[in-house]
Amino acid sequence: METCQRKVMSGSEIPAFVDEVIKAGCDICAIGLDCYVLGDLEEMDAATDELHRIGEKFGDRDFLLLEIVAHLRSLGRYLDPGSSAKHWTDNAKRH
């Protein structure tokens, strides 16, 4: 029986992962302190093949959830629940 080992993303790959998702046309951003989205449904649908390639390249990243969120927040790419911001770019306008 052959076992397929899936690659596991390292924390040091987070910036490259985020950059590639953005280059794929997805507006990745953190939601609150413990969640992130790759983009809206239309963006993700248009970038399906590229997102699949990115997923294969970087591998499993579920265990890095909080680190990815922290990186996105450090870039200002976040929305907080209950905030008046409608898009993550609104955060820069408020500061």
PDB file of N, CA and C in Angstrom:
ATOM      1  N   MET A   1       0.848  -1.179   0.000  1.00  0.00           N
ATOM      2  CA  MET A   1       0.000   0.000   0.000  1.00  0.00           C
ATOM      3  C   MET A   1       0.894   1.243   0.000  1.00  0.00           C
ATOM      4  N   GLU A   2       0.640   2.132  -0.933  1.00  0.00           N
ATOM      5  CA  GLU A   2       1.440   3.339  -1.077  1.00  0.00           C
ATOM      6  C   GLU A   2       0.779   4.480  -0.307  1.00  0.00           C
ATOM      7  N   THR A   3       1.561   5.183   0.493  1.00  0.00           N
ATOM      8  CA  THR A   3       1.053   6.297   1.264  1.00  0.00           C
ATOM      9  C   THR A   3       1.474   7.599   0.607  1.00  0.00           C
ATOM     10  N   CYS A   4       0.525   8.478   0.433  1.00  0.00           N
ATOM     11  CA  CYS A   4       0.809   9.771  -0.187  1.00  0.00           C
ATOM     12  C   CYS A   4       1.054  10.790   0.927  1.00  0.00           C
ATOM     13  N   GLN A   5       2.269  11.296   1.001  1.00  0.00           N
ATOM     14  CA  GLN A   5       2.624  12.288   2.012  1.00  0.00           C
ATOM     15  C   GLN A   5       2.351  13.683   1.458  1.00  0.00           C
ATOM     16  N   ARG A   6       1.495  14.421   2.111  1.00  0.00           N
ATOM     17  CA  ARG A   6       1.192  15.786   1.692  1.00  0.00           C
ATOM     18  C   ARG A   6       2.208  16.716   2.340  1.00  0.00           C
ATOM     19  N   LYS A   7       2.668  17.676   1.564  1.00  0.00           N
ATOM     20  CA  LYS A   7       3.612  18.668   2.063  1.00  0.00           C
ATOM     21  C   LYS A   7       2.964  19.445   3.207  1.00  0.00           C
ATOM     22  N   VAL A   8       3.778  19.894   4.129  1.00  0.00           N
ATOM     23  CA  VAL A   8       3.313  20.703   5.252  1.00  0.00           C
ATOM     24  C   VAL A   8       3.997  22.057   5.153  1.00  0.00           C
ATOM     25  N   MET A   9       3.214  23.117   5.159  1.00  0.00           N
ATOM     26  CA  MET A   9       3.745  24.467   5.041  1.00  0.00           C
ATOM     27  C   MET A   9       4.480  24.856   6.320  1.00  0.00           C
ATOM     28  N   SER A  10       5.576  25.584   6.177  1.00  0.00           N
ATOM     29  CA  SER A  10       6.289  26.084   7.354  1.00  0.00           C
ATOM     30  C   SER A  10       5.892  27.538   7.588  1.00  0.00           C
ATOM     31  N   GLY A  11       6.052  27.981   8.802  1.00  0.00           N
ATOM     32  CA  GLY A  11       5.715  29.356   9.150  1.00  0.00           C
ATOM     33  C   GLY A  11       6.466  30.373   8.314  1.00  0.00           C
ATOM     34  N   SER A  12       7.688  30.049   7.938  1.00  0.00           N
ATOM     35  CA  SER A  12       8.482  30.984   7.144  1.00  0.00           C
ATOM     36  C   SER A  12       7.927  31.166   5.730  1.00  0.00           C
ATOM     37  N   GLU A  13       7.038  30.272   5.304  1.00  0.00           N
ATOM     38  CA  GLU A  13       6.440  30.358   3.967  1.00  0.00           C
ATOM     39  C   GLU A  13       5.173  31.215   3.925  1.00  0.00           C
ATOM     40  N   ILE A  14       4.708  31.676   5.068  1.00  0.00           N
ATOM     41  CA  ILE A  14       3.454  32.434   5.119  1.00  0.00           C
ATOM     42  C   ILE A  14       3.486  33.659   4.214  1.00  0.00           C
ATOM     43  N   PRO A  15       4.516  34.517   4.261  1.00  0.00           N
ATOM     44  CA  PRO A  15       4.511  35.687   3.365  1.00  0.00           C
ATOM     45  C   PRO A  15       4.442  35.305   1.885  1.00  0.00           C
ATOM     46  N   ALA A  16       5.161  34.272   1.478  1.00  0.00           N
ATOM     47  CA  ALA A  16       5.132  33.835   0.080  1.00  0.00           C
ATOM     48  C   ALA A  16       3.758  33.284  -0.286  1.00  0.00           C
ATOM     49  N   PHE A  17       3.137  32.541   0.628  1.00  0.00           N
ATOM     50  CA  PHE A  17       1.792  32.015   0.405  1.00  0.00           C
ATOM     51  C   PHE A  17       0.812  33.161   0.176  1.00  0.00           C
ATOM     52  N   VAL A  18       0.832  34.155   1.053  1.00  0.00           N
ATOM     53  CA  VAL A  18      -0.069  35.298   0.939  1.00  0.00           C
ATOM     54  C   VAL A  18       0.182  36.029  -0.378  1.00  0.00           C
ATOM     55  N   ASP A  19       1.436  36.255  -0.719  1.00  0.00           N
ATOM     56  CA  ASP A  19       1.774  36.939  -1.974  1.00  0.00           C
ATOM     57  C   ASP A  19       1.227  36.188  -3.183  1.00  0.00           C
ATOM     58  N   GLU A  20       1.362  34.873  -3.185  1.00  0.00           N
ATOM     59  CA  GLU A  20       0.885  34.093  -4.331  1.00  0.00           C
ATOM     60  C   GLU A  20      -0.633  34.108  -4.434  1.00  0.00           C
ATOM     61  N   VAL A  21      -1.318  34.093  -3.296  1.00  0.00           N
ATOM     62  CA  VAL A  21      -2.787  34.170  -3.321  1.00  0.00           C
ATOM     63  C   VAL A  21      -3.212  35.526  -3.898  1.00  0.00           C
ATOM     64  N   ILE A  22      -2.541  36.588  -3.492  1.00  0.00           N
ATOM     65  CA  ILE A  22      -2.850  37.923  -4.017  1.00  0.00           C
ATOM     66  C   ILE A  22      -2.582  37.975  -5.523  1.00  0.00           C
ATOM     67  N   LYS A  23      -1.442  37.450  -5.948  1.00  0.00           N
ATOM     68  CA  LYS A  23      -1.100  37.439  -7.377  1.00  0.00           C
ATOM     69  C   LYS A  23      -2.091  36.608  -8.192  1.00  0.00           C
ATOM     70  N   ALA A  24      -2.725  35.637  -7.554  1.00  0.00           N
ATOM     71  CA  ALA A  24      -3.732  34.812  -8.236  1.00  0.00           C
ATOM     72  C   ALA A  24      -5.031  35.577  -8.440  1.00  0.00           C
ATOM     73  N   GLY A  25      -5.125  36.769  -7.844  1.00  0.00           N
ATOM     74  CA  GLY A  25      -6.319  37.589  -8.012  1.00  0.00           C
ATOM     75  C   GLY A  25      -7.305  37.513  -6.868  1.00  0.00           C
ATOM     76  N   CYS A  26      -6.869  36.956  -5.750  1.00  0.00           N
ATOM     77  CA  CYS A  26      -7.740  36.831  -4.584  1.00  0.00           C
ATOM     78  C   CYS A  26      -7.351  37.852  -3.522  1.00  0.00           C
ATOM     79  N   ASP A  27      -8.349  38.436  -2.909  1.00  0.00           N
ATOM     80  CA  ASP A  27      -8.167  39.505  -1.939  1.00  0.00           C
ATOM     81  C   ASP A  27      -8.155  38.928  -0.521  1.00  0.00           C
ATOM     82  N   ILE A  28      -7.153  38.090  -0.234  1.00  0.00           N
ATOM     83  CA  ILE A  28      -7.032  37.409   1.047  1.00  0.00           C
ATOM     84  C   ILE A  28      -7.022  38.416   2.198  1.00  0.00           C
ATOM     85  N   CYS A  29      -7.765  38.099   3.255  1.00  0.00           N
ATOM     86  CA  CYS A  29      -7.734  38.949   4.448  1.00  0.00           C
ATOM     87  C   CYS A  29      -8.190  38.156   5.672  1.00  0.00           C
ATOM     88  N   ALA A  30      -7.719  38.621   6.826  1.00  0.00           N
ATOM     89  CA  ALA A  30      -8.103  38.013   8.102  1.00  0.00           C
ATOM     90  C   ALA A  30      -9.491  38.525   8.491  1.00  0.00           C
ATOM     91  N   ILE A  31     -10.225  37.672   9.166  1.00  0.00           N
ATOM     92  CA  ILE A  31     -11.516  38.046   9.735  1.00  0.00           C
ATOM     93  C   ILE A  31     -11.379  37.843  11.238  1.00  0.00           C
ATOM     94  N   GLY A  32     -11.355  38.942  11.968  1.00  0.00           N
ATOM     95  CA  GLY A  32     -11.146  38.849  13.405  1.00  0.00           C
ATOM     96  C   GLY A  32      -9.740  38.373  13.721  1.00  0.00           C
ATOM     97  N   LEU A  33      -9.609  37.642  14.814  1.00  0.00           N
ATOM     98  CA  LEU A  33      -8.300  37.196  15.281  1.00  0.00           C
ATOM     99  C   LEU A  33      -8.006  35.729  14.997  1.00  0.00           C
ATOM    100  N   ASP A  34      -8.995  35.003  14.448  1.00  0.00           N
ATOM    101  CA  ASP A  34      -8.780  33.568  14.296  1.00  0.00           C
ATOM    102  C   ASP A  34      -9.351  32.963  13.021  1.00  0.00           C
ATOM    103  N   CYS A  35      -9.479  33.773  11.980  1.00  0.00           N
ATOM    104  CA  CYS A  35     -10.027  33.272  10.726  1.00  0.00           C
ATOM    105  C   CYS A  35      -9.483  34.108   9.572  1.00  0.00           C
ATOM    106  N   TYR A  36      -9.426  33.519   8.389  1.00  0.00           N
ATOM    107  CA  TYR A  36      -9.101  34.292   7.196  1.00  0.00           C
ATOM    108  C   TYR A  36      -9.841  33.708   6.016  1.00  0.00           C
ATOM    109  N   VAL A  37     -10.019  34.518   4.989  1.00  0.00           N
ATOM    110  CA  VAL A  37     -10.637  34.079   3.750  1.00  0.00           C
ATOM    111  C   VAL A  37      -9.672  34.365   2.615  1.00  0.00           C
ATOM    112  N   LEU A  38      -9.685  33.498   1.608  1.00  0.00           N
ATOM    113  CA  LEU A  38      -8.806  33.696   0.453  1.00  0.00           C
ATOM    114  C   LEU A  38      -9.303  34.829  -0.435  1.00  0.00           C
ATOM    115  N   GLY A  39     -10.596  35.074  -0.426  1.00  0.00           N
ATOM    116  CA  GLY A  39     -11.202  36.115  -1.245  1.00  0.00           C
ATOM    117  C   GLY A  39     -12.690  35.861  -1.335  1.00  0.00           C
ATOM    118  N   ASP A  40     -13.369  36.663  -2.160  1.00  0.00           N
ATOM    119  CA  ASP A  40     -14.798  36.403  -2.316  1.00  0.00           C
ATOM    120  C   ASP A  40     -14.991  35.236  -3.287  1.00  0.00           C
ATOM    121  N   LEU A  41     -16.204  34.749  -3.372  1.00  0.00           N
ATOM    122  CA  LEU A  41     -16.471  33.553  -4.162  1.00  0.00           C
ATOM    123  C   LEU A  41     -16.117  33.722  -5.635  1.00  0.00           C
ATOM    124  N   GLU A  42     -16.405  34.893  -6.194  1.00  0.00           N
ATOM    125  CA  GLU A  42     -16.103  35.136  -7.602  1.00  0.00           C
ATOM    126  C   GLU A  42     -14.592  35.090  -7.856  1.00  0.00           C
ATOM    127  N   GLU A  43     -13.814  35.708  -6.964  1.00  0.00           N
ATOM    128  CA  GLU A  43     -12.353  35.691  -7.098  1.00  0.00           C
ATOM    129  C   GLU A  43     -11.824  34.266  -7.017  1.00  0.00           C
ATOM    130  N   MET A  44     -12.304  33.543  -6.033  1.00  0.00           N
ATOM    131  CA  MET A  44     -11.829  32.178  -5.834  1.00  0.00           C
ATOM    132  C   MET A  44     -12.223  31.283  -7.005  1.00  0.00           C
ATOM    133  N   ASP A  45     -13.429  31.483  -7.531  1.00  0.00           N
ATOM    134  CA  ASP A  45     -13.881  30.697  -8.676  1.00  0.00           C
ATOM    135  C   ASP A  45     -13.007  30.979  -9.900  1.00  0.00           C
ATOM    136  N   ALA A  46     -12.699  32.246 -10.127  1.00  0.00           N
ATOM    137  CA  ALA A  46     -11.864  32.630 -11.277  1.00  0.00           C
ATOM    138  C   ALA A  46     -10.436  32.105 -11.136  1.00  0.00           C
ATOM    139  N   ALA A  47      -9.981  31.903  -9.910  1.00  0.00           N
ATOM    140  CA  ALA A  47      -8.597  31.481  -9.657  1.00  0.00           C
ATOM    141  C   ALA A  47      -8.492  30.025  -9.215  1.00  0.00           C
ATOM    142  N   THR A  48      -9.508  29.224  -9.485  1.00  0.00           N
ATOM    143  CA  THR A  48      -9.546  27.847  -8.996  1.00  0.00           C
ATOM    144  C   THR A  48      -8.265  27.075  -9.302  1.00  0.00           C
ATOM    145  N   ASP A  49      -7.833  27.089 -10.552  1.00  0.00           N
ATOM    146  CA  ASP A  49      -6.641  26.323 -10.930  1.00  0.00           C
ATOM    147  C   ASP A  49      -5.403  26.833 -10.211  1.00  0.00           C
ATOM    148  N   GLU A  50      -5.265  28.148 -10.143  1.00  0.00           N
ATOM    149  CA  GLU A  50      -4.094  28.736  -9.485  1.00  0.00           C
ATOM    150  C   GLU A  50      -4.121  28.452  -7.983  1.00  0.00           C
ATOM    151  N   LEU A  51      -5.285  28.533  -7.355  1.00  0.00           N
ATOM    152  CA  LEU A  51      -5.392  28.225  -5.927  1.00  0.00           C
ATOM    153  C   LEU A  51      -5.062  26.758  -5.663  1.00  0.00           C
ATOM    154  N   HIS A  52      -5.454  25.884  -6.568  1.00  0.00           N
ATOM    155  CA  HIS A  52      -5.106  24.468  -6.425  1.00  0.00           C
ATOM    156  C   HIS A  52      -3.584  24.298  -6.484  1.00  0.00           C
ATOM    157  N   ARG A  53      -2.952  24.973  -7.445  1.00  0.00           N
ATOM    158  CA  ARG A  53      -1.494  24.903  -7.577  1.00  0.00           C
ATOM    159  C   ARG A  53      -0.817  25.428  -6.311  1.00  0.00           C
ATOM    160  N   ILE A  54      -1.318  26.537  -5.787  1.00  0.00           N
ATOM    161  CA  ILE A  54      -0.763  27.130  -4.567  1.00  0.00           C
ATOM    162  C   ILE A  54      -0.927  26.155  -3.397  1.00  0.00           C
ATOM    163  N   GLY A  55      -2.091  25.550  -3.304  1.00  0.00           N
ATOM    164  CA  GLY A  55      -2.333  24.572  -2.245  1.00  0.00           C
ATOM    165  C   GLY A  55      -1.384  23.392  -2.318  1.00  0.00           C
ATOM    166  N   GLU A  56      -1.123  22.916  -3.526  1.00  0.00           N
ATOM    167  CA  GLU A  56      -0.178  21.811  -3.715  1.00  0.00           C
ATOM    168  C   GLU A  56       1.245  22.254  -3.373  1.00  0.00           C
ATOM    169  N   LYS A  57       1.613  23.453  -3.770  1.00  0.00           N
ATOM    170  CA  LYS A  57       2.971  23.958  -3.539  1.00  0.00           C
ATOM    171  C   LYS A  57       3.267  24.122  -2.053  1.00  0.00           C
ATOM    172  N   PHE A  58       2.324  24.730  -1.315  1.00  0.00           N
ATOM    173  CA  PHE A  58       2.579  25.039   0.091  1.00  0.00           C
ATOM    174  C   PHE A  58       2.130  23.940   1.038  1.00  0.00           C
ATOM    175  N   GLY A  59       1.155  23.152   0.634  1.00  0.00           N
ATOM    176  CA  GLY A  59       0.717  22.030   1.452  1.00  0.00           C
ATOM    177  C   GLY A  59      -0.210  22.424   2.589  1.00  0.00           C
ATOM    178  N   ASP A  60      -0.301  21.520   3.554  1.00  0.00           N
ATOM    179  CA  ASP A  60      -1.204  21.701   4.693  1.00  0.00           C
ATOM    180  C   ASP A  60      -0.774  22.907   5.512  1.00  0.00           C
ATOM    181  N   ARG A  61      -1.724  23.782   5.791  1.00  0.00           N
ATOM    182  CA  ARG A  61      -1.439  24.999   6.548  1.00  0.00           C
ATOM    183  C   ARG A  61      -2.446  25.225   7.679  1.00  0.00           C
ATOM    184  N   ASP A  62      -3.336  24.266   7.888  1.00  0.00           N
ATOM    185  CA  ASP A  62      -4.377  24.439   8.907  1.00  0.00           C
ATOM    186  C   ASP A  62      -3.799  24.774  10.279  1.00  0.00           C
ATOM    187  N   PHE A  63      -2.707  24.142  10.636  1.00  0.00           N
ATOM    188  CA  PHE A  63      -2.107  24.352  11.952  1.00  0.00           C
ATOM    189  C   PHE A  63      -1.444  25.728  12.074  1.00  0.00           C
ATOM    190  N   LEU A  64      -1.309  26.440  10.960  1.00  0.00           N
ATOM    191  CA  LEU A  64      -0.714  27.786  10.956  1.00  0.00           C
ATOM    192  C   LEU A  64      -1.773  28.888  10.920  1.00  0.00           C
ATOM    193  N   LEU A  65      -3.015  28.524  11.150  1.00  0.00           N
ATOM    194  CA  LEU A  65      -4.123  29.474  11.050  1.00  0.00           C
ATOM    195  C   LEU A  65      -3.843  30.784  11.778  1.00  0.00           C
ATOM    196  N   LEU A  66      -3.500  30.714  13.049  1.00  0.00           N
ATOM    197  CA  LEU A  66      -3.309  31.942  13.830  1.00  0.00           C
ATOM    198  C   LEU A  66      -2.107  32.745  13.342  1.00  0.00           C
ATOM    199  N   GLU A  67      -1.064  32.064  12.863  1.00  0.00           N
ATOM    200  CA  GLU A  67       0.107  32.765  12.332  1.00  0.00           C
ATOM    201  C   GLU A  67      -0.212  33.457  11.009  1.00  0.00           C
ATOM    202  N   ILE A  68      -1.025  32.812  10.171  1.00  0.00           N
ATOM    203  CA  ILE A  68      -1.446  33.437   8.912  1.00  0.00           C
ATOM    204  C   ILE A  68      -2.300  34.656   9.214  1.00  0.00           C
ATOM    205  N   VAL A  69      -3.228  34.526  10.148  1.00  0.00           N
ATOM    206  CA  VAL A  69      -4.070  35.656  10.547  1.00  0.00           C
ATOM    207  C   VAL A  69      -3.202  36.797  11.069  1.00  0.00           C
ATOM    208  N   ALA A  70      -2.236  36.489  11.923  1.00  0.00           N
ATOM    209  CA  ALA A  70      -1.354  37.531  12.470  1.00  0.00           C
ATOM    210  C   ALA A  70      -0.580  38.225  11.354  1.00  0.00           C
ATOM    211  N   HIS A  71      -0.111  37.472  10.367  1.00  0.00           N
ATOM    212  CA  HIS A  71       0.618  38.074   9.246  1.00  0.00           C
ATOM    213  C   HIS A  71      -0.299  38.996   8.444  1.00  0.00           C
ATOM    214  N   LEU A  72      -1.503  38.526   8.151  1.00  0.00           N
ATOM    215  CA  LEU A  72      -2.450  39.356   7.403  1.00  0.00           C
ATOM    216  C   LEU A  72      -2.781  40.630   8.169  1.00  0.00           C
ATOM    217  N   ARG A  73      -2.961  40.513   9.467  1.00  0.00           N
ATOM    218  CA  ARG A  73      -3.253  41.698  10.288  1.00  0.00           C
ATOM    219  C   ARG A  73      -2.066  42.656  10.278  1.00  0.00           C
ATOM    220  N   SER A  74      -0.838  42.117  10.287  1.00  0.00           N
ATOM    221  CA  SER A  74       0.337  42.988  10.265  1.00  0.00           C
ATOM    222  C   SER A  74       0.425  43.766   8.956  1.00  0.00           C
ATOM    223  N   LEU A  75      -0.183  43.220   7.902  1.00  0.00           N
ATOM    224  CA  LEU A  75      -0.217  43.901   6.606  1.00  0.00           C
ATOM    225  C   LEU A  75      -1.407  44.846   6.488  1.00  0.00           C
ATOM    226  N   GLY A  76      -2.267  44.854   7.504  1.00  0.00           N
ATOM    227  CA  GLY A  76      -3.478  45.666   7.458  1.00  0.00           C
ATOM    228  C   GLY A  76      -4.607  44.998   6.701  1.00  0.00           C
ATOM    229  N   ARG A  77      -4.430  43.749   6.316  1.00  0.00           N
ATOM    230  CA  ARG A  77      -5.422  43.006   5.539  1.00  0.00           C
ATOM    231  C   ARG A  77      -6.346  42.248   6.498  1.00  0.00           C
ATOM    232  N   TYR A  78      -7.214  42.976   7.165  1.00  0.00           N
ATOM    233  CA  TYR A  78      -8.135  42.343   8.111  1.00  0.00           C
ATOM    234  C   TYR A  78      -9.432  43.122   8.217  1.00  0.00           C
ATOM    235  N   LEU A  79     -10.469  42.419   8.619  1.00  0.00           N
ATOM    236  CA  LEU A  79     -11.753  43.001   8.981  1.00  0.00           C
ATOM    237  C   LEU A  79     -12.123  42.436  10.342  1.00  0.00           C
ATOM    238  N   ASP A  80     -12.565  43.310  11.221  1.00  0.00           N
ATOM    239  CA  ASP A  80     -13.011  42.862  12.534  1.00  0.00           C
ATOM    240  C   ASP A  80     -14.531  42.825  12.562  1.00  0.00           C
ATOM    241  N   PRO A  81     -15.106  41.730  13.061  1.00  0.00           N
ATOM    242  CA  PRO A  81     -16.562  41.664  13.193  1.00  0.00           C
ATOM    243  C   PRO A  81     -17.066  42.851  14.012  1.00  0.00           C
ATOM    244  N   GLY A  82     -18.141  43.457  13.553  1.00  0.00           N
ATOM    245  CA  GLY A  82     -18.714  44.604  14.239  1.00  0.00           C
ATOM    246  C   GLY A  82     -18.102  45.933  13.837  1.00  0.00           C
ATOM    247  N   SER A  83     -17.048  45.895  13.057  1.00  0.00           N
ATOM    248  CA  SER A  83     -16.396  47.117  12.596  1.00  0.00           C
ATOM    249  C   SER A  83     -17.248  47.793  11.527  1.00  0.00           C
ATOM    250  N   SER A  84     -17.073  49.092  11.374  1.00  0.00           N
ATOM    251  CA  SER A  84     -17.785  49.808  10.312  1.00  0.00           C
ATOM    252  C   SER A  84     -17.098  49.627   8.958  1.00  0.00           C
ATOM    253  N   ALA A  85     -15.900  49.060   8.941  1.00  0.00           N
ATOM    254  CA  ALA A  85     -15.165  48.850   7.692  1.00  0.00           C
ATOM    255  C   ALA A  85     -15.920  47.849   6.811  1.00  0.00           C
ATOM    256  N   LYS A  86     -16.044  48.179   5.548  1.00  0.00           N
ATOM    257  CA  LYS A  86     -16.705  47.295   4.581  1.00  0.00           C
ATOM    258  C   LYS A  86     -15.695  46.463   3.802  1.00  0.00           C
ATOM    259  N   HIS A  87     -14.442  46.898   3.779  1.00  0.00           N
ATOM    260  CA  HIS A  87     -13.354  46.224   3.072  1.00  0.00           C
ATOM    261  C   HIS A  87     -12.105  46.455   3.903  1.00  0.00           C
ATOM    262  N   TRP A  88     -11.138  45.544   3.824  1.00  0.00           N
ATOM    263  CA  TRP A  88      -9.936  45.688   4.654  1.00  0.00           C
ATOM    264  C   TRP A  88      -9.199  46.990   4.376  1.00  0.00           C
ATOM    265  N   THR A  89      -9.312  47.548   3.179  1.00  0.00           N
ATOM    266  CA  THR A  89      -8.619  48.804   2.870  1.00  0.00           C
ATOM    267  C   THR A  89      -9.193  49.975   3.670  1.00  0.00           C
ATOM    268  N   ASP A  90     -10.396  49.822   4.202  1.00  0.00           N
ATOM    269  CA  ASP A  90     -10.987  50.873   5.036  1.00  0.00           C
ATOM    270  C   ASP A  90     -10.204  51.063   6.333  1.00  0.00           C
ATOM    271  N   ASN A  91      -9.458  50.066   6.765  1.00  0.00           N
ATOM    272  CA  ASN A  91      -8.687  50.180   7.997  1.00  0.00           C
ATOM    273  C   ASN A  91      -7.638  51.288   7.897  1.00  0.00           C
ATOM    274  N   ALA A  92      -7.008  51.414   6.749  1.00  0.00           N
ATOM    275  CA  ALA A  92      -5.975  52.448   6.562  1.00  0.00           C
ATOM    276  C   ALA A  92      -6.588  53.845   6.605  1.00  0.00           C
ATOM    277  N   LYS A  93      -7.831  53.962   6.169  1.00  0.00           N
ATOM    278  CA  LYS A  93      -8.505  55.267   6.145  1.00  0.00           C
ATOM    279  C   LYS A  93      -8.854  55.748   7.549  1.00  0.00           C
ATOM    280  N   ARG A  94      -9.009  54.802   8.482  1.00  0.00           N
ATOM    281  CA  ARG A  94      -9.409  55.156   9.841  1.00  0.00           C
ATOM    282  C   ARG A  94      -8.228  55.525  10.712  1.00  0.00           C
ATOM    283  N   HIS A  95      -7.017  55.175  10.284  1.00  0.00           N
ATOM    284  CA  HIS A  95      -5.831  55.426  11.127  1.00  0.00           C
ATOM    285  C   HIS A  95      -5.039  56.590  10.600  1.00  0.00           C
TER     286      HIS A  95
END
